[in-house]
Protein backbone atom coordinates (compact mmCIF):
# COMPACT_ATOMS: atom_id res chain seq x y z
CA GLY A 1 11.84 47.51 -5.87
CA GLU A 2 10.03 44.31 -4.97
CA VAL A 3 12.21 41.24 -4.42
CA ILE A 4 10.79 37.88 -5.57
CA THR A 5 12.34 34.65 -4.37
CA ILE A 6 12.17 31.94 -7.02
CA SER A 7 12.69 28.25 -6.28
CA SER A 8 11.82 24.92 -7.86
CA ARG A 9 8.85 22.93 -6.57
CA VAL A 10 10.78 19.71 -7.25
CA SER A 11 14.15 18.51 -6.12
CA GLY A 12 16.95 17.32 -8.38
CA TRP A 13 20.16 18.18 -10.14
CA LEU A 14 20.30 21.52 -11.92
CA THR A 15 21.12 20.79 -15.56
CA GLU A 16 20.71 24.27 -17.04
CA MET A 17 21.41 27.71 -15.54
CA ASN A 18 20.76 30.57 -17.95
CA VAL A 19 21.30 33.62 -15.70
CA ILE A 20 23.91 35.12 -13.41
CA ASP A 21 23.74 37.80 -10.77
CA GLY A 22 22.83 41.21 -12.16
CA VAL A 23 21.40 40.07 -15.51
CA VAL A 24 18.09 41.50 -16.71
CA VAL A 25 15.33 38.96 -17.48
CA ALA A 26 11.90 39.16 -19.11
CA LYS A 27 8.69 37.57 -17.89
CA GLY A 28 8.45 33.94 -19.04
CA GLN A 29 12.17 33.65 -19.76
CA VAL A 30 13.69 30.27 -18.84
CA LEU A 31 16.04 30.79 -15.92
CA ALA A 32 17.04 27.23 -15.13
CA ARG A 33 16.09 23.59 -15.60
CA VAL A 34 16.15 20.71 -13.15
CA ASP A 35 17.08 17.24 -14.41
CA ALA A 36 13.86 15.70 -15.85
CA ARG A 37 15.27 12.52 -17.36
CA ASP A 38 13.83 10.20 -14.72
CA SER A 39 10.38 11.78 -14.95
CA LEU A 40 10.47 11.66 -18.76
CA LEU A 41 11.47 7.99 -18.67
CA GLN A 42 8.67 7.17 -16.23
CA ARG A 43 6.24 9.04 -18.47
CA GLU A 44 7.32 6.96 -21.46
CA VAL A 45 6.80 3.77 -19.44
CA LEU A 46 3.30 4.94 -18.47
CA LEU A 47 2.49 5.77 -22.09
CA ALA A 48 3.59 2.29 -23.15
CA LYS A 49 1.36 0.74 -20.46
CA LEU A 50 -1.54 2.91 -21.54
CA LYS A 51 -1.10 1.90 -25.18
CA SER A 52 -1.02 -1.76 -24.16
CA ILE A 53 -4.22 -1.45 -22.13
CA GLU A 54 -5.98 0.44 -24.92
CA SER A 55 -5.01 -2.37 -27.30
CA GLN A 56 -6.46 -4.93 -24.88
CA ILE A 57 -9.68 -2.93 -24.66
CA ALA A 58 -9.93 -2.88 -28.45
CA VAL A 59 -9.44 -6.66 -28.60
CA VAL A 60 -12.10 -7.32 -25.94
CA ARG A 61 -14.54 -4.95 -27.65
CA ALA A 62 -14.02 -6.86 -30.89
CA GLN A 63 -14.80 -10.07 -29.00
CA VAL A 64 -17.95 -8.44 -27.61
CA GLY A 65 -19.10 -7.58 -31.11
CA LYS A 66 -18.42 -11.09 -32.38
CA VAL A 67 -20.14 -12.83 -29.45
CA ASP A 68 -23.05 -10.42 -29.62
CA GLN A 69 -23.64 -11.05 -33.30
CA GLU A 70 -23.24 -14.82 -33.06
CA THR A 71 -25.30 -15.39 -29.91
CA LEU A 72 -28.06 -12.97 -30.84
CA GLY A 73 -28.82 -14.82 -34.07
CA LYS A 74 -28.47 -18.21 -32.35
CA MET A 75 -30.85 -17.26 -29.55
CA GLN A 76 -33.44 -15.96 -32.00
CA SER A 77 -33.19 -19.16 -34.02
CA ASP A 78 -33.55 -21.29 -30.87
CA ARG A 79 -36.52 -19.22 -29.69
CA ASN A 80 -38.23 -19.80 -33.03
CA ARG A 81 -37.46 -23.52 -32.82
CA LEU A 82 -38.89 -23.70 -29.29
CA ALA A 83 -42.01 -21.79 -30.25
CA ALA A 84 -42.62 -24.11 -33.20
CA ALA A 85 -42.05 -27.20 -31.02
CA GLU A 86 -44.43 -25.94 -28.34
CA ALA A 87 -47.06 -25.19 -30.98
CA GLU A 88 -46.63 -28.70 -32.33
CA VAL A 89 -47.10 -30.18 -28.85
CA ALA A 90 -50.25 -28.13 -28.30
CA ALA A 91 -51.68 -29.30 -31.63
CA LEU A 92 -50.80 -32.95 -30.98
CA GLU A 93 -52.37 -32.87 -27.53
CA ALA A 94 -55.71 -32.23 -29.24
CA VAL A 95 -54.98 -35.01 -31.75
CA VAL A 96 -54.10 -37.46 -28.96
CA LYS A 97 -57.22 -36.53 -27.04
CA GLN A 98 -59.41 -37.11 -30.09
CA ALA A 99 -57.62 -40.35 -30.99
CA ARG A 100 -58.10 -41.68 -27.45
CA TYR A 101 -61.78 -40.83 -27.57
CA ASP A 102 -62.13 -42.52 -30.96
CA TYR A 103 -60.33 -45.63 -29.71
CA GLU A 104 -62.39 -45.90 -26.53
CA ARG A 105 -65.58 -45.38 -28.51
CA ALA A 106 -64.47 -48.03 -31.01
CA ARG A 107 -63.87 -50.52 -28.20
CA GLU A 108 -67.33 -49.93 -26.83
CA LEU A 109 -68.92 -50.34 -30.25
CA THR A 110 -66.86 -53.48 -30.96
CA ALA A 111 -67.94 -54.97 -27.64
CA GLN A 112 -71.55 -54.26 -28.60
CA LYS A 113 -70.97 -55.84 -32.03
CA TRP A 114 -71.67 -52.53 -33.77
CA LEU A 115 -68.11 -52.20 -35.11
CA SER A 116 -65.70 -54.71 -36.63
CA GLN A 117 -62.52 -55.80 -34.91
CA GLN A 118 -60.48 -54.38 -37.79
CA ALA A 119 -62.02 -50.92 -37.36
CA MET A 120 -61.25 -51.01 -33.66
CA GLU A 121 -57.65 -52.01 -34.42
CA ARG A 122 -57.32 -49.08 -36.81
CA ALA A 123 -58.55 -46.73 -34.08
CA ARG A 124 -56.02 -48.17 -31.64
CA THR A 125 -53.19 -47.80 -34.16
CA ALA A 126 -54.18 -44.19 -34.81
CA TYR A 127 -54.18 -43.54 -31.06
CA GLU A 128 -50.73 -45.11 -30.60
CA GLN A 129 -49.31 -43.14 -33.54
CA ALA A 130 -50.70 -39.91 -32.08
CA GLN A 131 -49.10 -40.74 -28.73
CA GLU A 132 -45.74 -41.41 -30.41
CA GLN A 133 -45.88 -38.14 -32.34
CA HIS A 134 -46.72 -36.34 -29.10
CA ARG A 135 -43.73 -37.91 -27.32
CA LYS A 136 -41.42 -36.85 -30.17
CA ALA A 137 -42.81 -33.33 -30.03
CA LEU A 138 -42.17 -33.19 -26.27
CA ALA A 139 -38.61 -34.37 -26.88
CA GLU A 140 -38.18 -31.62 -29.46
CA VAL A 141 -39.40 -29.04 -26.93
CA ALA A 142 -36.86 -30.31 -24.37
CA ALA A 143 -34.07 -30.18 -26.97
CA ALA A 144 -35.04 -26.66 -28.05
CA ARG A 145 -35.08 -25.48 -24.45
CA GLY A 146 -31.65 -26.99 -23.92
CA MET A 147 -30.28 -25.24 -26.99
CA LEU A 148 -31.82 -21.94 -25.88
CA ALA A 149 -30.31 -22.33 -22.41
CA ALA A 150 -26.89 -23.01 -23.95
CA ALA A 151 -27.21 -19.94 -26.15
CA GLY A 152 -28.17 -17.94 -23.09
CA GLY A 153 -25.01 -19.15 -21.36
CA SER A 154 -22.95 -17.98 -24.31
CA ARG A 155 -24.84 -14.70 -24.21
CA ARG A 156 -23.83 -14.24 -20.57
CA GLN A 157 -20.23 -14.24 -21.76
CA LEU A 158 -20.94 -10.65 -22.79
CA GLU A 159 -21.29 -9.73 -19.12
CA VAL A 160 -17.84 -11.17 -18.41
CA LEU A 161 -16.34 -9.28 -21.34
CA ASP A 162 -18.06 -6.04 -20.27
CA SER A 163 -16.64 -6.44 -16.76
CA GLU A 164 -13.20 -6.97 -18.24
CA ILE A 165 -13.54 -3.79 -20.29
CA GLN A 166 -14.56 -1.85 -17.17
CA VAL A 167 -11.52 -3.11 -15.26
CA LEU A 168 -9.19 -2.20 -18.13
CA ALA A 169 -10.86 1.21 -18.51
CA ARG A 170 -10.27 1.97 -14.82
CA GLN A 171 -6.63 0.97 -15.18
CA ALA A 172 -6.32 3.24 -18.22
CA ASP A 173 -7.86 6.15 -16.29
CA GLU A 174 -5.42 5.62 -13.42
CA ILE A 175 -2.49 5.64 -15.84
CA ARG A 176 -3.77 8.80 -17.55
CA ALA A 177 -4.01 10.49 -14.16
CA GLU A 178 -0.46 9.42 -13.36
CA ILE A 179 0.73 10.77 -16.74
CA LYS A 180 -0.84 14.12 -15.90
CA ARG A 181 1.04 14.15 -12.60
CA ARG A 182 4.24 13.39 -14.44
CA ASP A 183 3.50 16.24 -16.87
CA VAL A 184 3.13 18.62 -13.93
CA ASP A 185 6.37 17.33 -12.42
CA ILE A 186 8.20 17.80 -15.73
CA ALA A 187 6.77 21.29 -16.17
CA ASP A 188 7.87 22.22 -12.65
CA ARG A 189 11.45 21.34 -13.59
CA THR A 190 11.60 24.35 -15.89
CA ILE A 191 11.99 27.55 -13.86
CA VAL A 192 10.84 30.73 -15.62
CA ALA A 193 10.84 34.39 -14.63
CA PRO A 194 7.46 35.38 -13.14
CA ALA A 195 7.96 39.01 -14.20
CA ASP A 196 10.39 41.41 -15.84
CA GLY A 197 13.30 42.25 -13.59
CA ARG A 198 16.93 41.82 -12.67
CA VAL A 199 18.56 38.84 -10.98
CA VAL A 200 19.92 40.03 -7.62
CA MET A 201 21.50 36.83 -6.38
CA THR A 202 21.62 33.13 -7.29
CA PHE A 203 21.91 30.44 -4.66
CA VAL A 204 22.46 27.43 -6.91
CA ARG A 205 24.87 26.35 -9.58
CA LYS A 206 24.68 24.00 -12.52
CA ASN A 207 25.75 20.43 -11.75
């Protein structure tokens, strides 16, 4: 009959030997086992590392959700504030322009004795008030832009968190790949009969 030589693909101490010369075996029957304690321990260590990394990913994702929710609402609020301030500036520019025209016209008419000094003073006061309101509106625009820029900076924190998640995810993938290699190594430490037959000769003994 055909003679099949069976050997382990890994090295180590033989911890289990279930056959002797001349015994009949069935396909799939466990013939021997090589010590797998070190590989099993390393696998447990890898699983612990993987669990730790997955926990870190969950924490960072929670931070992403929190930052996203907070900054999104803040940015929208600041955009609305800026739009309102810019609209106010645009409206006051027209007011200032009209007030300046009225004041200059009042000066001309006062010089020509067609308008009283008091009326001219009122026109000047109105012009100065319009200028002051315009300056305040410009300051509000600057403040709103500053707030929006700050919110944008906080929003960019999401990019940092996303990069951190990607790094952790790559580490997790590497550990999963290493666990699969350990699984193969552990599986190779169990030697089974490839077919029905009889053991002709053994060349190893249990440690």
